[in-house]
Amino acid sequence: MLTLGVQTWGTDVAALRRYWAAAEALGYDRVVYGDGLWPWTCDGWTMLGALAAQTRRVRIGPAVTYAVDPSSHHPSWLAKRATTVDHLSNGRLDLRLGIGANDAATRDLWQSHGVPYPSRAERLDRLAEAVEVMRALWQGEPVERHGRFGHLVGAVGGPPPVQRPGPPVWIAAMSEPALTLVARLADGWEASYLSPAEFARRWRKLRGLLEAEHRDSESVRRSIEVDVVLGQSVADATLALGRFCAARGIDEHHRLVATLLAGDARAVQQAATAYESAGATDLLLGFADFPDTGMLEAFAAAVTPVLRAR
């Protein structure tokens, strides 16, 4: 069955608490909060502790978090943070890891804080090592490791996470080298802002890579992050789409628009179903009117029942 997650961000803590409560009450399956140095987000792991304490049912996690430099999250610290949130949520954490965007703005942001931003190839290698270190620490036995994050000599994790052998590890991946890493190490794959056709093409590639690793392709969850612009009518949706594009400085022909779940309830249902047909098992939804809950509520009332019935 297609599961439905909700992306949240921002620094208005009161609004976030209202939104988290609404998402859980409305029956969504997952709620995430981003992690990063951008001024429009708080510290992701502190916010996840609050999200864990407030909710009882939904799975939670970072939209993505990073383990590509010791100054962002050393894997020993990240393993500890993940275990803590896993306990606070009684075993509802998904550890979603990002490789990092390959663009100048992201590099410049990290470097403006004095944080190194390695090359993409190096980030991939460090992420792979971080996953291996965290999974070893979650087992509770002494870890010996000499690698990119220094020398672990008799390092012992603890306490053990609630989920055994550990929280599911998701990796956000778009390029072929990153998909190769997903096939080798991940429990879930996250893609962002692809059309159904683009998502299907990458899923075909990942399926072949999983087969090469002798892994069952259906053992790996597949999520697509998309924005939702939902209107009560076609006319209302058209106006909402105009506001969405204006807020982002794009026009209706921008490639992002082709990835939207946009329109009235019927159109949004059809767009969501297209991603499911392309191989997605999970949708991670960013509602265009966030932090207002109008679209969140309308989707739950008019779109979710149809998707659940499939």
Foldseek 3Di string as FASTA:
>chain_A
DAAEEEEDFFDPVVLVLVQLVVLVVLPHAEYAYAADDDPGGDHRLVVLLVSLQSDAGHAYEHPAAAQLAVVRPPLQRVLVSQQVSLVSNVRRYAHEHELDDPDDVRQVSCVVVVHHDDHSVSSLVRVLVSLVVSLVQLCFFFDFDDDDSHTRDRDHHDDHHSDPPGHFYEYEDDDLVSLLSCLQGGQEYEYEQDALVSLLVVLVSSCVSNVVVVHDSVSYAYEYEAEEQEDQAQVRQVVSVVVLCVVVVHDCPDSSVNLYLTGYQVSSLVRVVSNVVSPHRYYHYYYSVPPPCPVVNRCSVRRVVVVVVD
